[in-house]
Amino acid sequence: MTQLATSPQSGDLGPLIGSCFGCDESLAGAIGRSARIRRHAPHGVIIDSGEADQDIHLLAEGHARLIADSIEGRLVVIEDYSVGELMGLTGLFGWDGVPAQVTAVTGARTGAFANHVFVGLMSSHGAVALAVSRMLVARLSAANRRVAENATLSAPGRIHAELLRRAGATPDSTIRPMPVFAEMALALQTTRETVSRTINGLEKRGIVRRTGDGLAIVAPHRLEEMVY
């Protein structure tokens, strides 16, 4: 794994842990003391499925991504992680048989829990077990949605749906920062050229607008109509 530094201290993970697991300050502090702070360089490997003794990581800073190689040798994005999300959960009780890596898209900081320690936290604290269950159900729902979209939507349709999802998570329907076309293409299993052509077409039609810091969805209802 590519790490810039490792510290045995829990640092300032307490508030993040409290938010992630829905627990009080005292329990959050106790959980945080079980973690080690790790820093990862951009594109560094955080978790490799081929390694034994994998840790569970709580993303404290940055952006991370779970990727795998397809049979054709292409990289496939399985899921993205943002601050406050746990990574490595599918390896809690042994390797799931999927060769994949979690890598830092940008520089990242994580709180790393030894696997057996995290299992112990789940056994001892219902808040931790409940938070993990909710996270896994949300990821399963997202995976099911991706499978359905890949089977039923065209590449432009998947791009339209992704733009709506990203904009829907913001109060002003503006995606910040501006989407990176190559990253979107990787996540949606299409090409950068298709993403660029689709978004440029939406811009010409006045459905989206580039702003100083992102991409605003000006006409979400029109965009919804273009998904299918």
C-alpha atoms as a PDB file:
ATOM      1  CA  MET A   1       0.000   0.000   0.000  1.00  0.00           C
ATOM      2  CA  THR A   2       1.251   3.503  -0.811  1.00  0.00           C
ATOM      3  CA  GLN A   3       1.112   5.613   2.326  1.00  0.00           C
ATOM      4  CA  LEU A   4       2.722   8.964   3.028  1.00  0.00           C
ATOM      5  CA  ALA A   5       2.783   8.451   6.772  1.00  0.00           C
ATOM      6  CA  THR A   6       1.369   6.283   9.515  1.00  0.00           C
ATOM      7  CA  SER A   7       0.513   7.345  13.043  1.00  0.00           C
ATOM      8  CA  PRO A   8      -0.780   5.262  15.952  1.00  0.00           C
ATOM      9  CA  GLN A   9      -2.852   8.181  17.199  1.00  0.00           C
ATOM     10  CA  SER A  10      -6.555   8.665  16.512  1.00  0.00           C
ATOM     11  CA  GLY A  11      -6.027  12.373  15.741  1.00  0.00           C
ATOM     12  CA  ASP A  12      -9.299  14.265  15.213  1.00  0.00           C
ATOM     13  CA  LEU A  13     -11.408  11.315  14.068  1.00  0.00           C
ATOM     14  CA  GLY A  14     -13.823  11.621  17.015  1.00  0.00           C
ATOM     15  CA  PRO A  15     -16.385  13.992  15.423  1.00  0.00           C
ATOM     16  CA  LEU A  16     -16.324  12.052  12.145  1.00  0.00           C
ATOM     17  CA  ILE A  17     -16.786   8.739  13.935  1.00  0.00           C
ATOM     18  CA  GLY A  18     -19.662  10.192  15.944  1.00  0.00           C
ATOM     19  CA  SER A  19     -21.368  11.290  12.738  1.00  0.00           C
ATOM     20  CA  CYS A  20     -20.656   8.030  10.900  1.00  0.00           C
ATOM     21  CA  PHE A  21     -21.825   5.688  13.651  1.00  0.00           C
ATOM     22  CA  GLY A  22     -24.396   7.931  15.320  1.00  0.00           C
ATOM     23  CA  CYS A  23     -22.775   7.585  18.744  1.00  0.00           C
ATOM     24  CA  ASP A  24     -21.996  10.004  21.566  1.00  0.00           C
ATOM     25  CA  GLU A  25     -18.680  11.789  22.068  1.00  0.00           C
ATOM     26  CA  SER A  26     -17.414   9.350  24.666  1.00  0.00           C
ATOM     27  CA  LEU A  27     -17.976   6.251  22.515  1.00  0.00           C
ATOM     28  CA  ALA A  28     -16.663   8.026  19.421  1.00  0.00           C
ATOM     29  CA  GLY A  29     -13.445   8.814  21.274  1.00  0.00           C
ATOM     30  CA  ALA A  30     -13.078   5.202  22.404  1.00  0.00           C
ATOM     31  CA  ILE A  31     -13.624   3.928  18.854  1.00  0.00           C
ATOM     32  CA  GLY A  32     -11.161   6.489  17.504  1.00  0.00           C
ATOM     33  CA  ARG A  33      -8.443   5.226  19.809  1.00  0.00           C
ATOM     34  CA  SER A  34      -8.688   1.867  18.044  1.00  0.00           C
ATOM     35  CA  ALA A  35      -7.725   3.440  14.708  1.00  0.00           C
ATOM     36  CA  ARG A  36      -4.413   4.456  13.187  1.00  0.00           C
ATOM     37  CA  ILE A  37      -4.181   7.569  11.034  1.00  0.00           C
ATOM     38  CA  ARG A  38      -2.810   6.827   7.563  1.00  0.00           C
ATOM     39  CA  ARG A  39      -2.082   9.220   4.723  1.00  0.00           C
ATOM     40  CA  HIS A  40      -2.155   8.091   1.109  1.00  0.00           C
ATOM     41  CA  ALA A  41      -0.625   9.726  -1.949  1.00  0.00           C
ATOM     42  CA  PRO A  42      -2.796  10.435  -5.005  1.00  0.00           C
ATOM     43  CA  HIS A  43      -3.362   7.164  -6.885  1.00  0.00           C
ATOM     44  CA  GLY A  44      -1.844   5.224  -3.991  1.00  0.00           C
ATOM     45  CA  VAL A  45      -3.331   1.859  -3.071  1.00  0.00           C
ATOM     46  CA  ILE A  46      -5.288   1.932   0.188  1.00  0.00           C
ATOM     47  CA  ILE A  47      -6.605  -1.651   0.118  1.00  0.00           C
ATOM     48  CA  ASP A  48      -5.510  -4.519  -2.139  1.00  0.00           C
ATOM     49  CA  SER A  49      -7.772  -7.567  -2.175  1.00  0.00           C
ATOM     50  CA  GLY A  50      -4.761  -9.792  -2.749  1.00  0.00           C
ATOM     51  CA  GLU A  51      -3.199  -8.910   0.593  1.00  0.00           C
ATOM     52  CA  ALA A  52      -3.804 -10.778   3.823  1.00  0.00           C
ATOM     53  CA  ASP A  53      -4.645  -8.889   7.033  1.00  0.00           C
ATOM     54  CA  GLN A  54      -6.641  -6.117   5.398  1.00  0.00           C
ATOM     55  CA  ASP A  55      -7.728  -3.167   7.516  1.00  0.00           C
ATOM     56  CA  ILE A  56     -11.092  -1.445   7.516  1.00  0.00           C
ATOM     57  CA  HIS A  57     -10.603   2.218   6.590  1.00  0.00           C
ATOM     58  CA  LEU A  58     -12.748   5.223   7.482  1.00  0.00           C
ATOM     59  CA  LEU A  59     -12.151   7.961   4.902  1.00  0.00           C
ATOM     60  CA  ALA A  60     -11.407  11.191   6.767  1.00  0.00           C
ATOM     61  CA  GLU A  61     -10.106  13.333   3.888  1.00  0.00           C
ATOM     62  CA  GLY A  62     -10.060  13.067   0.123  1.00  0.00           C
ATOM     63  CA  HIS A  63     -11.750  10.799  -2.397  1.00  0.00           C
ATOM     64  CA  ALA A  64     -11.200   7.085  -2.964  1.00  0.00           C
ATOM     65  CA  ARG A  65     -12.364   4.532  -5.503  1.00  0.00           C
ATOM     66  CA  LEU A  66     -12.805   0.761  -5.723  1.00  0.00           C
ATOM     67  CA  ILE A  67     -11.603  -0.480  -9.114  1.00  0.00           C
ATOM     68  CA  ALA A  68     -11.163  -3.843 -10.815  1.00  0.00           C
ATOM     69  CA  ASP A  69      -9.763  -5.094 -14.133  1.00  0.00           C
ATOM     70  CA  SER A  70     -12.237  -6.429 -16.653  1.00  0.00           C
ATOM     71  CA  ILE A  71     -11.579  -9.538 -18.765  1.00  0.00           C
ATOM     72  CA  GLU A  72     -10.676  -7.196 -21.641  1.00  0.00           C
ATOM     73  CA  GLY A  73      -8.097  -5.470 -19.445  1.00  0.00           C
ATOM     74  CA  ARG A  74     -10.119  -2.285 -18.917  1.00  0.00           C
ATOM     75  CA  LEU A  75     -10.398  -0.644 -15.521  1.00  0.00           C
ATOM     76  CA  VAL A  76     -13.928  -0.794 -14.121  1.00  0.00           C
ATOM     77  CA  VAL A  77     -15.123   1.488 -11.311  1.00  0.00           C
ATOM     78  CA  ILE A  78     -17.146  -0.485  -8.787  1.00  0.00           C
ATOM     79  CA  GLU A  79     -17.854   2.358  -6.379  1.00  0.00           C
ATOM     80  CA  ASP A  80     -16.584   5.709  -5.117  1.00  0.00           C
ATOM     81  CA  TYR A  81     -16.049   6.710  -1.506  1.00  0.00           C
ATOM     82  CA  SER A  82     -16.376  10.133   0.087  1.00  0.00           C
ATOM     83  CA  VAL A  83     -15.516  11.424   3.548  1.00  0.00           C
ATOM     84  CA  GLY A  84     -17.260   9.495   6.308  1.00  0.00           C
ATOM     85  CA  GLU A  85     -17.539   6.213   4.410  1.00  0.00           C
ATOM     86  CA  LEU A  86     -16.016   2.873   5.369  1.00  0.00           C
ATOM     87  CA  MET A  87     -13.851   0.938   2.928  1.00  0.00           C
ATOM     88  CA  GLY A  88     -12.937  -2.741   2.962  1.00  0.00           C
ATOM     89  CA  LEU A  89     -16.174  -4.009   4.509  1.00  0.00           C
ATOM     90  CA  THR A  90     -16.552  -6.883   2.049  1.00  0.00           C
ATOM     91  CA  GLY A  91     -13.360  -8.365   3.463  1.00  0.00           C
ATOM     92  CA  LEU A  92     -14.569  -8.383   7.057  1.00  0.00           C
ATOM     93  CA  PHE A  93     -15.022 -12.145   7.173  1.00  0.00           C
ATOM     94  CA  GLY A  94     -12.521 -13.217   4.544  1.00  0.00           C
ATOM     95  CA  TRP A  95     -11.771 -12.427   0.899  1.00  0.00           C
ATOM     96  CA  ASP A  96     -14.894 -12.186  -1.242  1.00  0.00           C
ATOM     97  CA  GLY A  97     -13.087 -13.562  -4.307  1.00  0.00           C
ATOM     98  CA  VAL A  98     -13.185 -10.312  -6.312  1.00  0.00           C
ATOM     99  CA  PRO A  99      -9.700  -9.079  -7.341  1.00  0.00           C
ATOM    100  CA  ALA A 100      -9.895  -5.315  -6.808  1.00  0.00           C
ATOM    101  CA  GLN A 101      -8.156  -2.356  -5.226  1.00  0.00           C
ATOM    102  CA  VAL A 102      -9.231   0.725  -3.322  1.00  0.00           C
ATOM    103  CA  THR A 103      -7.091   3.636  -4.474  1.00  0.00           C
ATOM    104  CA  ALA A 104      -6.860   7.280  -3.474  1.00  0.00           C
ATOM    105  CA  VAL A 105      -8.143   9.470  -6.308  1.00  0.00           C
ATOM    106  CA  THR A 106      -6.685  12.504  -4.571  1.00  0.00           C
ATOM    107  CA  GLY A 107      -4.422  12.602  -1.540  1.00  0.00           C
ATOM    108  CA  ALA A 108      -6.369  10.930   1.254  1.00  0.00           C
ATOM    109  CA  ARG A 109      -6.332  10.448   5.011  1.00  0.00           C
ATOM    110  CA  THR A 110      -7.961   7.434   6.643  1.00  0.00           C
ATOM    111  CA  GLY A 111      -8.497   5.931  10.051  1.00  0.00           C
ATOM    112  CA  ALA A 112      -7.450   2.282   9.766  1.00  0.00           C
ATOM    113  CA  PHE A 113      -8.959  -0.403  12.026  1.00  0.00           C
ATOM    114  CA  ALA A 114      -7.452  -3.868  12.213  1.00  0.00           C
ATOM    115  CA  ASN A 115     -10.025  -6.331  10.898  1.00  0.00           C
ATOM    116  CA  HIS A 116     -10.441  -8.261  14.152  1.00  0.00           C
ATOM    117  CA  VAL A 117     -10.675  -4.997  16.114  1.00  0.00           C
ATOM    118  CA  PHE A 118     -13.493  -3.731  13.899  1.00  0.00           C
ATOM    119  CA  VAL A 119     -15.403  -7.003  14.205  1.00  0.00           C
ATOM    120  CA  GLY A 120     -15.075  -6.612  17.976  1.00  0.00           C
ATOM    121  CA  LEU A 121     -16.474  -3.068  17.780  1.00  0.00           C
ATOM    122  CA  MET A 122     -19.469  -4.348  15.814  1.00  0.00           C
ATOM    123  CA  SER A 123     -20.070  -7.061  18.395  1.00  0.00           C
ATOM    124  CA  SER A 124     -19.784  -4.689  21.352  1.00  0.00           C
ATOM    125  CA  HIS A 125     -21.595  -1.622  20.033  1.00  0.00           C
ATOM    126  CA  GLY A 126     -24.947  -1.790  18.296  1.00  0.00           C
ATOM    127  CA  ALA A 127     -24.421   1.693  16.806  1.00  0.00           C
ATOM    128  CA  VAL A 128     -21.409   0.453  14.848  1.00  0.00           C
ATOM    129  CA  ALA A 129     -23.178  -2.681  13.592  1.00  0.00           C
ATOM    130  CA  LEU A 130     -26.263  -0.664  12.580  1.00  0.00           C
ATOM    131  CA  ALA A 131     -24.163   1.913  10.718  1.00  0.00           C
ATOM    132  CA  VAL A 132     -22.344  -0.842   8.819  1.00  0.00           C
ATOM    133  CA  SER A 133     -25.666  -2.505   7.924  1.00  0.00           C
ATOM    134  CA  ARG A 134     -27.112   0.752   6.600  1.00  0.00           C
ATOM    135  CA  MET A 135     -23.978   1.443   4.573  1.00  0.00           C
ATOM    136  CA  LEU A 136     -23.979  -2.019   3.006  1.00  0.00           C
ATOM    137  CA  VAL A 137     -27.685  -1.817   2.115  1.00  0.00           C
ATOM    138  CA  ALA A 138     -27.110   1.589   0.463  1.00  0.00           C
ATOM    139  CA  ARG A 139     -24.219   0.160  -1.557  1.00  0.00           C
ATOM    140  CA  LEU A 140     -26.252  -2.857  -2.607  1.00  0.00           C
ATOM    141  CA  SER A 141     -29.037  -0.562  -3.804  1.00  0.00           C
ATOM    142  CA  ALA A 142     -26.521   1.532  -5.757  1.00  0.00           C
ATOM    143  CA  ALA A 143     -24.995  -1.591  -7.319  1.00  0.00           C
ATOM    144  CA  ASN A 144     -28.444  -2.855  -8.350  1.00  0.00           C
ATOM    145  CA  ARG A 145     -29.222   0.523  -9.895  1.00  0.00           C
ATOM    146  CA  ARG A 146     -25.963   0.460 -11.874  1.00  0.00           C
ATOM    147  CA  VAL A 147     -26.701  -3.028 -13.209  1.00  0.00           C
ATOM    148  CA  ALA A 148     -30.194  -1.983 -14.244  1.00  0.00           C
ATOM    149  CA  GLU A 149     -28.962   1.198 -15.928  1.00  0.00           C
ATOM    150  CA  ASN A 150     -26.203  -0.615 -17.826  1.00  0.00           C
ATOM    151  CA  ALA A 151     -28.811  -3.062 -19.124  1.00  0.00           C
ATOM    152  CA  THR A 152     -31.566  -0.584 -19.964  1.00  0.00           C
ATOM    153  CA  LEU A 153     -29.973   2.786 -20.773  1.00  0.00           C
ATOM    154  CA  SER A 154     -27.798   4.024 -23.589  1.00  0.00           C
ATOM    155  CA  ALA A 155     -24.463   5.657 -22.747  1.00  0.00           C
ATOM    156  CA  PRO A 156     -25.964   9.184 -23.029  1.00  0.00           C
ATOM    157  CA  GLY A 157     -28.875   8.044 -20.855  1.00  0.00           C
ATOM    158  CA  ARG A 158     -26.475   6.865 -18.151  1.00  0.00           C
ATOM    159  CA  ILE A 159     -24.661  10.191 -18.324  1.00  0.00           C
ATOM    160  CA  HIS A 160     -27.944  12.111 -17.971  1.00  0.00           C
ATOM    161  CA  ALA A 161     -28.928   9.974 -14.968  1.00  0.00           C
ATOM    162  CA  GLU A 162     -25.538  10.473 -13.332  1.00  0.00           C
ATOM    163  CA  LEU A 163     -25.711  14.245 -13.760  1.00  0.00           C
ATOM    164  CA  LEU A 164     -29.155  14.288 -12.154  1.00  0.00           C
ATOM    165  CA  ARG A 165     -27.922  12.210  -9.212  1.00  0.00           C
ATOM    166  CA  ARG A 166     -24.908  14.402  -8.584  1.00  0.00           C
ATOM    167  CA  ALA A 167     -26.879  17.627  -8.900  1.00  0.00           C
ATOM    168  CA  GLY A 168     -29.662  16.267  -6.694  1.00  0.00           C
ATOM    169  CA  ALA A 169     -27.211  15.979  -3.806  1.00  0.00           C
ATOM    170  CA  THR A 170     -26.615  19.761  -3.834  1.00  0.00           C
ATOM    171  CA  PRO A 171     -28.948  22.557  -2.684  1.00  0.00           C
ATOM    172  CA  ASP A 172     -28.665  24.556  -5.928  1.00  0.00           C
ATOM    173  CA  SER A 173     -28.476  21.743  -8.521  1.00  0.00           C
ATOM    174  CA  THR A 174     -24.832  22.576  -9.263  1.00  0.00           C
ATOM    175  CA  ILE A 175     -22.190  19.839  -9.421  1.00  0.00           C
ATOM    176  CA  ARG A 176     -18.968  21.008  -7.780  1.00  0.00           C
ATOM    177  CA  PRO A 177     -16.264  20.765  -8.856  1.00  0.00           C
ATOM    178  CA  MET A 178     -16.789  20.431 -12.591  1.00  0.00           C
ATOM    179  CA  PRO A 179     -17.066  16.712 -13.421  1.00  0.00           C
ATOM    180  CA  VAL A 180     -13.888  15.154 -14.793  1.00  0.00           C
ATOM    181  CA  PHE A 181     -14.998  13.585 -18.064  1.00  0.00           C
ATOM    182  CA  ALA A 182     -12.444  10.762 -17.947  1.00  0.00           C
ATOM    183  CA  GLU A 183     -13.534   9.778 -14.430  1.00  0.00           C
ATOM    184  CA  MET A 184     -17.219   9.870 -15.370  1.00  0.00           C
ATOM    185  CA  ALA A 185     -16.504   7.702 -18.405  1.00  0.00           C
ATOM    186  CA  LEU A 186     -14.697   5.150 -16.245  1.00  0.00           C
ATOM    187  CA  ALA A 187     -17.541   5.042 -13.730  1.00  0.00           C
ATOM    188  CA  LEU A 188     -20.252   4.760 -16.397  1.00  0.00           C
ATOM    189  CA  GLN A 189     -18.400   2.282 -18.632  1.00  0.00           C
ATOM    190  CA  THR A 190     -18.274   4.548 -21.640  1.00  0.00           C
ATOM    191  CA  THR A 191     -15.675   6.784 -23.296  1.00  0.00           C
ATOM    192  CA  ARG A 192     -14.423  10.239 -22.433  1.00  0.00           C
ATOM    193  CA  GLU A 193     -15.443  11.417 -25.896  1.00  0.00           C
ATOM    194  CA  THR A 194     -19.041  10.281 -25.314  1.00  0.00           C
ATOM    195  CA  VAL A 195     -19.201  12.121 -21.980  1.00  0.00           C
ATOM    196  CA  SER A 196     -17.731  15.285 -23.512  1.00  0.00           C
ATOM    197  CA  ARG A 197     -20.041  15.167 -26.543  1.00  0.00           C
ATOM    198  CA  THR A 198     -23.130  14.548 -24.387  1.00  0.00           C
ATOM    199  CA  ILE A 199     -22.430  17.351 -21.907  1.00  0.00           C
ATOM    200  CA  ASN A 200     -21.477  19.798 -24.670  1.00  0.00           C
ATOM    201  CA  GLY A 201     -24.772  18.963 -26.401  1.00  0.00           C
ATOM    202  CA  LEU A 202     -26.718  19.627 -23.195  1.00  0.00           C
ATOM    203  CA  GLU A 203     -24.913  22.936 -22.799  1.00  0.00           C
ATOM    204  CA  LYS A 204     -25.811  24.044 -26.330  1.00  0.00           C
ATOM    205  CA  ARG A 205     -29.469  23.257 -25.624  1.00  0.00           C
ATOM    206  CA  GLY A 206     -29.425  25.297 -22.417  1.00  0.00           C
ATOM    207  CA  ILE A 207     -30.077  22.301 -20.172  1.00  0.00           C
ATOM    208  CA  VAL A 208     -26.781  22.655 -18.298  1.00  0.00           C
ATOM    209  CA  ARG A 209     -24.484  25.636 -17.788  1.00  0.00           C
ATOM    210  CA  ARG A 210     -20.842  25.813 -16.802  1.00  0.00           C
ATOM    211  CA  THR A 211     -20.270  28.080 -13.817  1.00  0.00           C
ATOM    212  CA  GLY A 212     -17.082  29.371 -12.285  1.00  0.00           C
ATOM    213  CA  ASP A 213     -16.809  26.372  -9.995  1.00  0.00           C
ATOM    214  CA  GLY A 214     -18.929  23.615 -11.503  1.00  0.00           C
ATOM    215  CA  LEU A 215     -21.774  22.510 -13.744  1.00  0.00           C
ATOM    216  CA  ALA A 216     -25.307  23.785 -13.065  1.00  0.00           C
ATOM    217  CA  ILE A 217     -28.365  21.784 -14.126  1.00  0.00           C
ATOM    218  CA  VAL A 218     -30.607  24.544 -15.483  1.00  0.00           C
ATOM    219  CA  ALA A 219     -33.518  22.391 -16.692  1.00  0.00           C
ATOM    220  CA  PRO A 220     -33.658  19.187 -14.599  1.00  0.00           C
ATOM    221  CA  HIS A 221     -37.091  18.187 -15.910  1.00  0.00           C
ATOM    222  CA  ARG A 222     -35.869  18.293 -19.504  1.00  0.00           C
ATOM    223  CA  LEU A 223     -32.834  16.263 -18.494  1.00  0.00           C
ATOM    224  CA  GLU A 224     -35.081  13.661 -16.803  1.00  0.00           C
ATOM    225  CA  GLU A 225     -37.012  13.271 -20.044  1.00  0.00           C
ATOM    226  CA  MET A 226     -33.762  12.485 -21.866  1.00  0.00           C
ATOM    227  CA  VAL A 227     -32.671   9.632 -19.583  1.00  0.00           C
ATOM    228  CA  TYR A 228     -34.751   6.998 -21.428  1.00  0.00           C
END
